[in-house]
């Protein structure tokens, strides 16, 4: 019978223990256990929320932008209405310069150092706001307002190329506007008018999901830069949720199923279907903020009961197919 050296042209290594790190295709003989082994690669998918650093200002109905390790939280209510702004470095939140207009139920887009905040409410001064502000990493500057003042809307895109959609003023709205860095322009409306919805993606490739019509909704629509198209709905109809990601790789989390069930539910969208994740947020909540991607998202703030607000932050690591080396005994 041919031995391994005759077949392969080289000898196997004899080692007192398994090597570290293991490498793909590695063949060796463990003299301690008296077995020959070969290493192969297999995929391991992880989906989980983990605790992050708490916000300094506990609040709900706030806006968010950026990434999991470089996020911005702004506005909301403590109560009263807040202009507070904080930045997140992946571990801690730090208070920075406040917005010019304190408000809740607003939307945002962009990065930690180039954010756009728009819409919201601050009764009685502004029952429905069209105010828009941009953040440059240090200061907030008021810029041209939206055409339609509204609260409870969603946003997508960047500071200079944003999309605002849905909301309420005071009736439920399907209005959509795009921002070019200077002005807002009204474009084609969504198919389903709703408020308290979530959004993801870019100005020309956005996703709108959930909300209330005012009936609780699981509706999902995609935007191609011109038109909105209805696509497959979420598994859990809910409003006051948050989201992250892109049009073809989105994440939905938290929210409210009326009359009073705050959600931990987390769903992933692959461009066609929504899939419910077995585990959800550690803190069930509504009117929270979120940002990031489908594989690296951040959830922060919100309300856990009609009278209880939270400053909890959770970090999502999800749908990552990573190469893991396993050792297979061959003899």
C-alpha atoms as a PDB file:
ATOM      1  CA  UNK A   1       0.000   0.000   0.000  1.00  0.00           C
ATOM      2  CA  UNK A   2       1.366   3.418  -0.893  1.00  0.00           C
ATOM      3  CA  UNK A   3       2.066   5.747   2.004  1.00  0.00           C
ATOM      4  CA  UNK A   4       1.270   9.459   2.163  1.00  0.00           C
ATOM      5  CA  UNK A   5       4.777  10.516   1.107  1.00  0.00           C
ATOM      6  CA  UNK A   6       4.618   8.303  -2.005  1.00  0.00           C
ATOM      7  CA  UNK A   7       1.235   9.787  -2.976  1.00  0.00           C
ATOM      8  CA  UNK A   8       1.846  13.426  -2.133  1.00  0.00           C
ATOM      9  CA  UNK A   9       5.607  13.732  -2.469  1.00  0.00           C
ATOM     10  CA  UNK A  10       6.125  15.032   1.078  1.00  0.00           C
ATOM     11  CA  UNK A  11       5.882  13.780   4.633  1.00  0.00           C
ATOM     12  CA  UNK A  12       3.241  14.782   7.175  1.00  0.00           C
ATOM     13  CA  UNK A  13       4.364  16.832  10.138  1.00  0.00           C
ATOM     14  CA  UNK A  14       4.477  15.151  13.538  1.00  0.00           C
ATOM     15  CA  UNK A  15       3.494  17.656  16.220  1.00  0.00           C
ATOM     16  CA  UNK A  16       3.008  17.423  19.965  1.00  0.00           C
ATOM     17  CA  UNK A  17      -0.176  19.533  19.699  1.00  0.00           C
ATOM     18  CA  UNK A  18      -2.423  21.091  17.061  1.00  0.00           C
ATOM     19  CA  UNK A  19      -0.682  24.095  15.484  1.00  0.00           C
ATOM     20  CA  UNK A  20      -1.934  27.625  16.043  1.00  0.00           C
ATOM     21  CA  UNK A  21      -3.071  29.270  13.954  1.00  0.00           C
ATOM     22  CA  UNK A  22      -4.476  26.507  11.794  1.00  0.00           C
ATOM     23  CA  UNK A  23      -4.206  26.954   8.043  1.00  0.00           C
ATOM     24  CA  UNK A  24      -6.448  25.707   5.259  1.00  0.00           C
ATOM     25  CA  UNK A  25      -5.344  22.365   3.849  1.00  0.00           C
ATOM     26  CA  UNK A  26      -2.879  21.724   6.658  1.00  0.00           C
ATOM     27  CA  UNK A  27      -2.107  18.013   7.261  1.00  0.00           C
ATOM     28  CA  UNK A  28      -0.343  16.838  10.414  1.00  0.00           C
ATOM     29  CA  UNK A  29      -0.045  14.019  12.934  1.00  0.00           C
ATOM     30  CA  UNK A  30      -0.759  14.829  16.570  1.00  0.00           C
ATOM     31  CA  UNK A  31       1.618  12.650  18.592  1.00  0.00           C
ATOM     32  CA  UNK A  32      -0.210  13.413  21.859  1.00  0.00           C
ATOM     33  CA  UNK A  33      -3.532  12.032  20.625  1.00  0.00           C
ATOM     34  CA  UNK A  34      -2.056   9.656  18.021  1.00  0.00           C
ATOM     35  CA  UNK A  35      -4.345  10.845  15.215  1.00  0.00           C
ATOM     36  CA  UNK A  36      -3.687  12.292  11.794  1.00  0.00           C
ATOM     37  CA  UNK A  37      -5.626  15.438  11.003  1.00  0.00           C
ATOM     38  CA  UNK A  38      -6.456  17.751   8.123  1.00  0.00           C
ATOM     39  CA  UNK A  39      -7.841  21.269   8.363  1.00  0.00           C
ATOM     40  CA  UNK A  40     -10.641  22.537   6.156  1.00  0.00           C
ATOM     41  CA  UNK A  41     -12.615  25.749   5.940  1.00  0.00           C
ATOM     42  CA  UNK A  42     -16.312  25.983   6.728  1.00  0.00           C
ATOM     43  CA  UNK A  43     -18.681  28.918   7.038  1.00  0.00           C
ATOM     44  CA  UNK A  44     -20.021  30.129  10.355  1.00  0.00           C
ATOM     45  CA  UNK A  45     -22.812  32.716  10.398  1.00  0.00           C
ATOM     46  CA  UNK A  46     -23.314  34.857  13.496  1.00  0.00           C
ATOM     47  CA  UNK A  47     -26.213  37.217  14.214  1.00  0.00           C
ATOM     48  CA  UNK A  48     -26.245  38.981  17.565  1.00  0.00           C
ATOM     49  CA  UNK A  49     -26.808  42.215  19.472  1.00  0.00           C
ATOM     50  CA  UNK A  50     -24.335  43.195  22.199  1.00  0.00           C
ATOM     51  CA  UNK A  51     -24.360  46.046  24.718  1.00  0.00           C
ATOM     52  CA  UNK A  52     -22.554  49.258  23.817  1.00  0.00           C
ATOM     53  CA  UNK A  53     -21.906  52.481  25.722  1.00  0.00           C
ATOM     54  CA  UNK A  54     -24.972  54.353  26.989  1.00  0.00           C
ATOM     55  CA  UNK A  55     -26.046  57.731  25.652  1.00  0.00           C
ATOM     56  CA  UNK A  56     -25.304  60.640  28.002  1.00  0.00           C
ATOM     57  CA  UNK A  57     -28.760  62.124  27.385  1.00  0.00           C
ATOM     58  CA  UNK A  58     -31.587  59.617  27.810  1.00  0.00           C
ATOM     59  CA  UNK A  59     -34.182  60.346  25.118  1.00  0.00           C
ATOM     60  CA  UNK A  60     -36.614  59.045  22.554  1.00  0.00           C
ATOM     61  CA  UNK A  61     -37.747  60.098  19.052  1.00  0.00           C
ATOM     62  CA  UNK A  62     -34.208  61.119  18.119  1.00  0.00           C
ATOM     63  CA  UNK A  63     -32.268  61.030  14.862  1.00  0.00           C
ATOM     64  CA  UNK A  64     -29.175  59.055  13.936  1.00  0.00           C
ATOM     65  CA  UNK A  65     -26.462  58.932  11.267  1.00  0.00           C
ATOM     66  CA  UNK A  66     -23.064  57.377  10.594  1.00  0.00           C
ATOM     67  CA  UNK A  67     -21.709  53.911  11.271  1.00  0.00           C
ATOM     68  CA  UNK A  68     -21.534  51.521  14.219  1.00  0.00           C
ATOM     69  CA  UNK A  69     -18.148  52.852  15.327  1.00  0.00           C
ATOM     70  CA  UNK A  70     -18.626  56.459  14.216  1.00  0.00           C
ATOM     71  CA  UNK A  71     -22.237  57.474  14.857  1.00  0.00           C
ATOM     72  CA  UNK A  72     -24.119  60.677  15.624  1.00  0.00           C
ATOM     73  CA  UNK A  73     -27.251  61.010  17.793  1.00  0.00           C
ATOM     74  CA  UNK A  74     -29.237  64.245  17.669  1.00  0.00           C
ATOM     75  CA  UNK A  75     -32.519  65.780  18.780  1.00  0.00           C
ATOM     76  CA  UNK A  76     -35.363  63.898  20.408  1.00  0.00           C
ATOM     77  CA  UNK A  77     -37.163  64.495  23.675  1.00  0.00           C
ATOM     78  CA  UNK A  78     -36.151  63.869  27.282  1.00  0.00           C
ATOM     79  CA  UNK A  79     -38.748  65.568  27.684  1.00  0.00           C
ATOM     80  CA  UNK A  80     -38.665  68.505  26.936  1.00  0.00           C
ATOM     81  CA  UNK A  81     -37.632  68.729  23.318  1.00  0.00           C
ATOM     82  CA  UNK A  82     -33.898  68.373  22.832  1.00  0.00           C
ATOM     83  CA  UNK A  83     -31.190  69.748  20.568  1.00  0.00           C
ATOM     84  CA  UNK A  84     -28.527  67.569  22.226  1.00  0.00           C
ATOM     85  CA  UNK A  85     -25.954  65.970  19.941  1.00  0.00           C
ATOM     86  CA  UNK A  86     -23.575  63.137  20.811  1.00  0.00           C
ATOM     87  CA  UNK A  87     -20.950  61.258  18.835  1.00  0.00           C
ATOM     88  CA  UNK A  88     -20.046  57.577  19.321  1.00  0.00           C
ATOM     89  CA  UNK A  89     -16.566  56.138  18.825  1.00  0.00           C
ATOM     90  CA  UNK A  90     -17.487  52.474  19.074  1.00  0.00           C
ATOM     91  CA  UNK A  91     -17.220  52.522  22.875  1.00  0.00           C
ATOM     92  CA  UNK A  92     -18.427  55.806  24.371  1.00  0.00           C
ATOM     93  CA  UNK A  93     -20.782  58.668  23.559  1.00  0.00           C
ATOM     94  CA  UNK A  94     -19.418  62.230  23.844  1.00  0.00           C
ATOM     95  CA  UNK A  95     -21.587  65.359  23.963  1.00  0.00           C
ATOM     96  CA  UNK A  96     -20.804  67.880  21.223  1.00  0.00           C
ATOM     97  CA  UNK A  97     -22.396  71.125  19.969  1.00  0.00           C
ATOM     98  CA  UNK A  98     -26.205  71.066  19.908  1.00  0.00           C
ATOM     99  CA  UNK A  99     -28.512  71.612  16.962  1.00  0.00           C
ATOM    100  CA  UNK A 100     -29.960  75.078  16.387  1.00  0.00           C
ATOM    101  CA  UNK A 101     -33.566  73.836  16.564  1.00  0.00           C
ATOM    102  CA  UNK A 102     -34.612  71.501  19.381  1.00  0.00           C
ATOM    103  CA  UNK A 103     -37.102  68.921  18.071  1.00  0.00           C
ATOM    104  CA  UNK A 104     -38.280  65.333  18.135  1.00  0.00           C
ATOM    105  CA  UNK A 105     -39.575  62.889  15.489  1.00  0.00           C
ATOM    106  CA  UNK A 106     -37.001  64.071  12.949  1.00  0.00           C
ATOM    107  CA  UNK A 107     -34.952  62.159  10.368  1.00  0.00           C
ATOM    108  CA  UNK A 108     -31.315  62.184   9.375  1.00  0.00           C
ATOM    109  CA  UNK A 109     -28.779  61.020   6.805  1.00  0.00           C
ATOM    110  CA  UNK A 110     -25.032  61.024   6.250  1.00  0.00           C
ATOM    111  CA  UNK A 111     -21.953  60.375   8.359  1.00  0.00           C
ATOM    112  CA  UNK A 112     -20.795  61.412  11.814  1.00  0.00           C
ATOM    113  CA  UNK A 113     -18.926  64.420  10.409  1.00  0.00           C
ATOM    114  CA  UNK A 114     -21.292  65.257   7.538  1.00  0.00           C
ATOM    115  CA  UNK A 115     -24.878  64.842   8.759  1.00  0.00           C
ATOM    116  CA  UNK A 116     -28.186  66.252   7.548  1.00  0.00           C
ATOM    117  CA  UNK A 117     -31.121  66.529   9.995  1.00  0.00           C
ATOM    118  CA  UNK A 118     -34.600  67.385   8.719  1.00  0.00           C
ATOM    119  CA  UNK A 119     -38.233  67.618   9.740  1.00  0.00           C
ATOM    120  CA  UNK A 120     -39.664  66.861  13.170  1.00  0.00           C
ATOM    121  CA  UNK A 121     -41.821  68.729  15.659  1.00  0.00           C
ATOM    122  CA  UNK A 122     -41.500  71.195  18.546  1.00  0.00           C
ATOM    123  CA  UNK A 123     -44.960  72.378  19.615  1.00  0.00           C
ATOM    124  CA  UNK A 124     -46.181  75.005  19.918  1.00  0.00           C
ATOM    125  CA  UNK A 125     -43.377  76.770  18.036  1.00  0.00           C
ATOM    126  CA  UNK A 126     -43.320  74.238  15.187  1.00  0.00           C
ATOM    127  CA  UNK A 127     -46.071  71.594  15.308  1.00  0.00           C
ATOM    128  CA  UNK A 128     -44.684  70.314  12.019  1.00  0.00           C
ATOM    129  CA  UNK A 129     -41.179  71.304  11.024  1.00  0.00           C
ATOM    130  CA  UNK A 130     -39.486  71.655   7.641  1.00  0.00           C
ATOM    131  CA  UNK A 131     -36.247  72.829   9.239  1.00  0.00           C
ATOM    132  CA  UNK A 132     -33.029  71.374   7.856  1.00  0.00           C
ATOM    133  CA  UNK A 133     -29.591  71.550   9.446  1.00  0.00           C
ATOM    134  CA  UNK A 134     -26.209  70.211   8.423  1.00  0.00           C
ATOM    135  CA  UNK A 135     -23.408  69.162  10.769  1.00  0.00           C
ATOM    136  CA  UNK A 136     -19.750  69.433   9.777  1.00  0.00           C
ATOM    137  CA  UNK A 137     -18.219  67.507  12.655  1.00  0.00           C
ATOM    138  CA  UNK A 138     -18.177  70.592  14.894  1.00  0.00           C
ATOM    139  CA  UNK A 139     -21.166  72.869  14.301  1.00  0.00           C
ATOM    140  CA  UNK A 140     -24.746  72.719  13.049  1.00  0.00           C
ATOM    141  CA  UNK A 141     -25.777  75.186  10.331  1.00  0.00           C
ATOM    142  CA  UNK A 142     -29.360  75.898   9.266  1.00  0.00           C
ATOM    143  CA  UNK A 143     -29.887  75.457   5.515  1.00  0.00           C
ATOM    144  CA  UNK A 144     -32.874  75.545   3.148  1.00  0.00           C
ATOM    145  CA  UNK A 145     -35.984  73.913   4.546  1.00  0.00           C
ATOM    146  CA  UNK A 146     -38.025  71.073   3.057  1.00  0.00           C
ATOM    147  CA  UNK A 147     -41.057  71.966   0.950  1.00  0.00           C
ATOM    148  CA  UNK A 148     -43.422  69.974   3.185  1.00  0.00           C
ATOM    149  CA  UNK A 149     -43.170  70.404   6.942  1.00  0.00           C
ATOM    150  CA  UNK A 150     -43.735  67.089   8.737  1.00  0.00           C
ATOM    151  CA  UNK A 151     -42.844  64.837  11.634  1.00  0.00           C
ATOM    152  CA  UNK A 152     -42.407  61.052  12.012  1.00  0.00           C
ATOM    153  CA  UNK A 153     -40.687  60.762   8.604  1.00  0.00           C
ATOM    154  CA  UNK A 154     -37.746  58.649   7.409  1.00  0.00           C
ATOM    155  CA  UNK A 155     -34.561  59.473   5.560  1.00  0.00           C
ATOM    156  CA  UNK A 156     -31.766  57.937   3.480  1.00  0.00           C
ATOM    157  CA  UNK A 157     -28.613  59.006   1.673  1.00  0.00           C
ATOM    158  CA  UNK A 158     -25.836  61.460   2.464  1.00  0.00           C
ATOM    159  CA  UNK A 159     -25.580  65.065   3.613  1.00  0.00           C
ATOM    160  CA  UNK A 160     -25.494  66.378   0.028  1.00  0.00           C
ATOM    161  CA  UNK A 161     -27.729  63.750  -1.552  1.00  0.00           C
ATOM    162  CA  UNK A 162     -30.576  62.919   0.828  1.00  0.00           C
ATOM    163  CA  UNK A 163     -34.075  61.535   0.512  1.00  0.00           C
ATOM    164  CA  UNK A 164     -36.969  62.327   2.897  1.00  0.00           C
ATOM    165  CA  UNK A 165     -40.167  60.269   2.739  1.00  0.00           C
ATOM    166  CA  UNK A 166     -43.414  59.694   4.585  1.00  0.00           C
ATOM    167  CA  UNK A 167     -44.408  61.337   7.850  1.00  0.00           C
ATOM    168  CA  UNK A 168     -47.397  63.276   9.118  1.00  0.00           C
ATOM    169  CA  UNK A 169     -48.720  66.849   8.779  1.00  0.00           C
ATOM    170  CA  UNK A 170     -51.140  66.118  10.453  1.00  0.00           C
ATOM    171  CA  UNK A 171     -52.521  63.437   8.130  1.00  0.00           C
ATOM    172  CA  UNK A 172     -50.348  60.505   7.092  1.00  0.00           C
ATOM    173  CA  UNK A 173     -48.122  61.379   4.139  1.00  0.00           C
ATOM    174  CA  UNK A 174     -46.489  59.639   1.175  1.00  0.00           C
ATOM    175  CA  UNK A 175     -44.596  62.791   0.159  1.00  0.00           C
ATOM    176  CA  UNK A 176     -41.004  62.298  -0.988  1.00  0.00           C
ATOM    177  CA  UNK A 177     -38.344  64.987  -1.417  1.00  0.00           C
ATOM    178  CA  UNK A 178     -34.716  64.872  -2.490  1.00  0.00           C
ATOM    179  CA  UNK A 179     -31.930  67.213  -1.361  1.00  0.00           C
ATOM    180  CA  UNK A 180     -29.009  68.168  -3.598  1.00  0.00           C
ATOM    181  CA  UNK A 181     -26.844  69.887  -1.008  1.00  0.00           C
ATOM    182  CA  UNK A 182     -28.677  73.195  -1.436  1.00  0.00           C
ATOM    183  CA  UNK A 183     -32.375  72.734  -2.185  1.00  0.00           C
ATOM    184  CA  UNK A 184     -35.183  70.236  -1.603  1.00  0.00           C
ATOM    185  CA  UNK A 185     -37.204  69.104  -4.631  1.00  0.00           C
ATOM    186  CA  UNK A 186     -40.513  67.236  -4.498  1.00  0.00           C
ATOM    187  CA  UNK A 187     -40.448  63.925  -6.398  1.00  0.00           C
ATOM    188  CA  UNK A 188     -42.825  60.981  -6.854  1.00  0.00           C
ATOM    189  CA  UNK A 189     -44.604  59.908  -3.681  1.00  0.00           C
ATOM    190  CA  UNK A 190     -44.588  56.482  -2.048  1.00  0.00           C
ATOM    191  CA  UNK A 191     -47.411  54.074  -2.872  1.00  0.00           C
ATOM    192  CA  UNK A 192     -48.399  53.677   0.783  1.00  0.00           C
ATOM    193  CA  UNK A 193     -48.772  56.856   2.841  1.00  0.00           C
ATOM    194  CA  UNK A 194     -47.452  56.264   6.363  1.00  0.00           C
ATOM    195  CA  UNK A 195     -45.687  57.714   9.361  1.00  0.00           C
ATOM    196  CA  UNK A 196     -43.371  56.252  12.026  1.00  0.00           C
ATOM    197  CA  UNK A 197     -41.571  54.258   9.305  1.00  0.00           C
ATOM    198  CA  UNK A 198     -37.892  53.380   8.825  1.00  0.00           C
ATOM    199  CA  UNK A 199     -35.580  53.887   5.880  1.00  0.00           C
ATOM    200  CA  UNK A 200     -32.270  52.655   4.459  1.00  0.00           C
ATOM    201  CA  UNK A 201     -30.108  53.101   1.377  1.00  0.00           C
ATOM    202  CA  UNK A 202     -29.248  56.083  -0.794  1.00  0.00           C
ATOM    203  CA  UNK A 203     -31.107  58.869  -2.567  1.00  0.00           C
ATOM    204  CA  UNK A 204     -31.419  56.837  -5.774  1.00  0.00           C
ATOM    205  CA  UNK A 205     -31.679  53.389  -4.180  1.00  0.00           C
ATOM    206  CA  UNK A 206     -33.728  53.655  -0.995  1.00  0.00           C
ATOM    207  CA  UNK A 207     -35.902  51.302   1.029  1.00  0.00           C
ATOM    208  CA  UNK A 208     -38.929  52.290   3.139  1.00  0.00           C
ATOM    209  CA  UNK A 209     -40.425  49.782   5.586  1.00  0.00           C
ATOM    210  CA  UNK A 210     -42.941  49.510   8.401  1.00  0.00           C
ATOM    211  CA  UNK A 211     -44.855  52.419   9.905  1.00  0.00           C
ATOM    212  CA  UNK A 212     -48.547  53.175  10.365  1.00  0.00           C
ATOM    213  CA  UNK A 213     -51.150  54.183   7.806  1.00  0.00           C
ATOM    214  CA  UNK A 214     -52.419  54.782  10.636  1.00  0.00           C
ATOM    215  CA  UNK A 215     -53.053  51.004  10.793  1.00  0.00           C
ATOM    216  CA  UNK A 216     -49.896  49.116  11.733  1.00  0.00           C
ATOM    217  CA  UNK A 217     -47.931  48.280   8.552  1.00  0.00           C
ATOM    218  CA  UNK A 218     -45.356  45.762   7.310  1.00  0.00           C
ATOM    219  CA  UNK A 219     -45.279  47.367   3.841  1.00  0.00           C
ATOM    220  CA  UNK A 220     -41.917  47.677   2.095  1.00  0.00           C
ATOM    221  CA  UNK A 221     -41.132  49.837  -0.930  1.00  0.00           C
ATOM    222  CA  UNK A 222     -37.994  50.438  -2.940  1.00  0.00           C
ATOM    223  CA  UNK A 223     -37.072  53.672  -4.735  1.00  0.00           C
ATOM    224  CA  UNK A 224     -34.990  53.775  -7.922  1.00  0.00           C
ATOM    225  CA  UNK A 225     -34.421  57.515  -8.093  1.00  0.00           C
ATOM    226  CA  UNK A 226     -37.717  58.080  -9.897  1.00  0.00           C
ATOM    227  CA  UNK A 227     -40.442  55.725  -8.697  1.00  0.00           C
ATOM    228  CA  UNK A 228     -41.422  53.737  -5.620  1.00  0.00           C
ATOM    229  CA  UNK A 229     -42.265  50.045  -6.118  1.00  0.00           C
ATOM    230  CA  UNK A 230     -44.004  47.849  -3.549  1.00  0.00           C
ATOM    231  CA  UNK A 231     -42.026  44.700  -2.676  1.00  0.00           C
ATOM    232  CA  UNK A 232     -42.374  41.879  -0.140  1.00  0.00           C
ATOM    233  CA  UNK A 233     -43.510  42.970   3.312  1.00  0.00           C
ATOM    234  CA  UNK A 234     -41.776  42.471   6.646  1.00  0.00           C
ATOM    235  CA  UNK A 235     -42.777  39.528   8.817  1.00  0.00           C
ATOM    236  CA  UNK A 236     -43.748  41.714  11.793  1.00  0.00           C
ATOM    237  CA  UNK A 237     -45.992  44.699  11.069  1.00  0.00           C
ATOM    238  CA  UNK A 238     -44.900  47.528  13.345  1.00  0.00           C
ATOM    239  CA  UNK A 239     -44.311  51.243  13.609  1.00  0.00           C
ATOM    240  CA  UNK A 240     -41.848  53.473  15.465  1.00  0.00           C
ATOM    241  CA  UNK A 241     -39.033  51.113  14.425  1.00  0.00           C
ATOM    242  CA  UNK A 242     -35.551  51.835  13.144  1.00  0.00           C
ATOM    243  CA  UNK A 243     -33.380  50.508  10.355  1.00  0.00           C
ATOM    244  CA  UNK A 244     -29.947  50.364   8.758  1.00  0.00           C
ATOM    245  CA  UNK A 245     -28.213  49.154   5.619  1.00  0.00           C
ATOM    246  CA  UNK A 246     -28.927  49.417   1.908  1.00  0.00           C
ATOM    247  CA  UNK A 247     -31.834  48.745  -0.423  1.00  0.00           C
ATOM    248  CA  UNK A 248     -30.736  45.152  -1.020  1.00  0.00           C
ATOM    249  CA  UNK A 249     -29.189  44.463   2.387  1.00  0.00           C
ATOM    250  CA  UNK A 250     -31.274  46.104   5.110  1.00  0.00           C
ATOM    251  CA  UNK A 251     -31.901  45.593   8.807  1.00  0.00           C
ATOM    252  CA  UNK A 252     -35.129  46.407  10.707  1.00  0.00           C
ATOM    253  CA  UNK A 253     -35.287  46.401  14.508  1.00  0.00           C
ATOM    254  CA  UNK A 254     -37.391  47.486  17.464  1.00  0.00           C
ATOM    255  CA  UNK A 255     -40.701  49.309  17.163  1.00  0.00           C
ATOM    256  CA  UNK A 256     -44.226  49.004  18.499  1.00  0.00           C
ATOM    257  CA  UNK A 257     -47.070  46.593  17.812  1.00  0.00           C
ATOM    258  CA  UNK A 258     -50.170  48.428  19.080  1.00  0.00           C
ATOM    259  CA  UNK A 259     -51.556  48.861  21.538  1.00  0.00           C
ATOM    260  CA  UNK A 260     -48.541  48.449  23.800  1.00  0.00           C
ATOM    261  CA  UNK A 261     -46.061  45.763  22.751  1.00  0.00           C
ATOM    262  CA  UNK A 262     -42.543  47.163  22.368  1.00  0.00           C
ATOM    263  CA  UNK A 263     -40.420  45.087  20.049  1.00  0.00           C
ATOM    264  CA  UNK A 264     -37.044  43.377  20.143  1.00  0.00           C
ATOM    265  CA  UNK A 265     -37.743  41.810  16.736  1.00  0.00           C
ATOM    266  CA  UNK A 266     -34.917  42.025  14.193  1.00  0.00           C
ATOM    267  CA  UNK A 267     -35.333  41.234  10.496  1.00  0.00           C
ATOM    268  CA  UNK A 268     -32.890  41.066   7.590  1.00  0.00           C
ATOM    269  CA  UNK A 269     -33.773  41.951   3.989  1.00  0.00           C
ATOM    270  CA  UNK A 270     -31.837  40.471   1.061  1.00  0.00           C
ATOM    271  CA  UNK A 271     -33.367  42.508  -1.738  1.00  0.00           C
ATOM    272  CA  UNK A 272     -36.318  40.113  -2.079  1.00  0.00           C
ATOM    273  CA  UNK A 273     -37.435  38.733   1.269  1.00  0.00           C
ATOM    274  CA  UNK A 274     -37.375  39.622   4.960  1.00  0.00           C
ATOM    275  CA  UNK A 275     -36.066  36.962   7.372  1.00  0.00           C
ATOM    276  CA  UNK A 276     -36.724  37.089  11.114  1.00  0.00           C
ATOM    277  CA  UNK A 277     -33.602  36.673  13.220  1.00  0.00           C
ATOM    278  CA  UNK A 278     -33.949  34.156  16.085  1.00  0.00           C
ATOM    279  CA  UNK A 279     -32.641  36.683  18.615  1.00  0.00           C
ATOM    280  CA  UNK A 280     -33.567  40.335  18.843  1.00  0.00           C
ATOM    281  CA  UNK A 281     -32.605  43.430  20.787  1.00  0.00           C
ATOM    282  CA  UNK A 282     -31.870  42.933  24.484  1.00  0.00           C
ATOM    283  CA  UNK A 283     -34.038  45.985  25.255  1.00  0.00           C
ATOM    284  CA  UNK A 284     -37.505  46.008  23.699  1.00  0.00           C
ATOM    285  CA  UNK A 285     -38.221  49.571  22.606  1.00  0.00           C
ATOM    286  CA  UNK A 286     -39.911  51.973  20.241  1.00  0.00           C
ATOM    287  CA  UNK A 287     -39.046  55.434  18.833  1.00  0.00           C
ATOM    288  CA  UNK A 288     -35.353  54.513  18.853  1.00  0.00           C
ATOM    289  CA  UNK A 289     -32.634  55.552  16.422  1.00  0.00           C
ATOM    290  CA  UNK A 290     -30.356  53.372  14.349  1.00  0.00           C
ATOM    291  CA  UNK A 291     -27.571  53.542  11.824  1.00  0.00           C
ATOM    292  CA  UNK A 292     -24.935  51.439  10.088  1.00  0.00           C
ATOM    293  CA  UNK A 293     -25.113  48.420   7.797  1.00  0.00           C
ATOM    294  CA  UNK A 294     -26.848  45.047   7.823  1.00  0.00           C
ATOM    295  CA  UNK A 295     -23.715  43.460   9.249  1.00  0.00           C
ATOM    296  CA  UNK A 296     -22.608  46.268  11.577  1.00  0.00           C
ATOM    297  CA  UNK A 297     -25.446  48.363  12.977  1.00  0.00           C
ATOM    298  CA  UNK A 298     -26.149  50.493  16.039  1.00  0.00           C
ATOM    299  CA  UNK A 299     -29.431  50.927  17.967  1.00  0.00           C
ATOM    300  CA  UNK A 300     -29.726  53.679  20.597  1.00  0.00           C
ATOM    301  CA  UNK A 301     -32.255  55.502  22.746  1.00  0.00           C
ATOM    302  CA  UNK A 302     -36.015  55.037  22.641  1.00  0.00           C
ATOM    303  CA  UNK A 303     -38.860  54.216  24.998  1.00  0.00           C
ATOM    304  CA  UNK A 304     -39.456  50.937  26.859  1.00  0.00           C
ATOM    305  CA  UNK A 305     -42.872  51.901  28.249  1.00  0.00           C
ATOM    306  CA  UNK A 306     -45.222  54.900  27.913  1.00  0.00           C
ATOM    307  CA  UNK A 307     -43.309  56.663  30.702  1.00  0.00           C
ATOM    308  CA  UNK A 308     -39.840  55.067  30.610  1.00  0.00           C
ATOM    309  CA  UNK A 309     -37.068  56.209  28.300  1.00  0.00           C
ATOM    310  CA  UNK A 310     -33.762  54.429  27.731  1.00  0.00           C
ATOM    311  CA  UNK A 311     -30.213  55.497  26.959  1.00  0.00           C
ATOM    312  CA  UNK A 312     -29.215  51.925  26.064  1.00  0.00           C
ATOM    313  CA  UNK A 313     -27.020  51.346  23.025  1.00  0.00           C
ATOM    314  CA  UNK A 314     -26.726  47.988  21.299  1.00  0.00           C
ATOM    315  CA  UNK A 315     -24.271  46.910  18.605  1.00  0.00           C
ATOM    316  CA  UNK A 316     -25.282  44.407  15.946  1.00  0.00           C
ATOM    317  CA  UNK A 317     -22.914  41.977  14.293  1.00  0.00           C
ATOM    318  CA  UNK A 318     -24.930  40.005  11.833  1.00  0.00           C
ATOM    319  CA  UNK A 319     -24.995  37.826   8.744  1.00  0.00           C
ATOM    320  CA  UNK A 320     -21.232  37.598   8.618  1.00  0.00           C
ATOM    321  CA  UNK A 321     -20.037  34.500   6.797  1.00  0.00           C
ATOM    322  CA  UNK A 322     -16.578  34.034   8.159  1.00  0.00           C
ATOM    323  CA  UNK A 323     -14.001  31.368   7.431  1.00  0.00           C
ATOM    324  CA  UNK A 324     -13.481  29.109  10.416  1.00  0.00           C
ATOM    325  CA  UNK A 325     -10.955  26.308  10.435  1.00  0.00           C
ATOM    326  CA  UNK A 326     -12.117  22.954  11.743  1.00  0.00           C
ATOM    327  CA  UNK A 327      -9.949  19.910  12.298  1.00  0.00           C
ATOM    328  CA  UNK A 328     -11.219  16.676  10.799  1.00  0.00           C
ATOM    329  CA  UNK A 329      -9.809  13.385  12.030  1.00  0.00           C
ATOM    330  CA  UNK A 330      -8.739  11.307   9.045  1.00  0.00           C
ATOM    331  CA  UNK A 331      -7.427   8.185  10.782  1.00  0.00           C
END
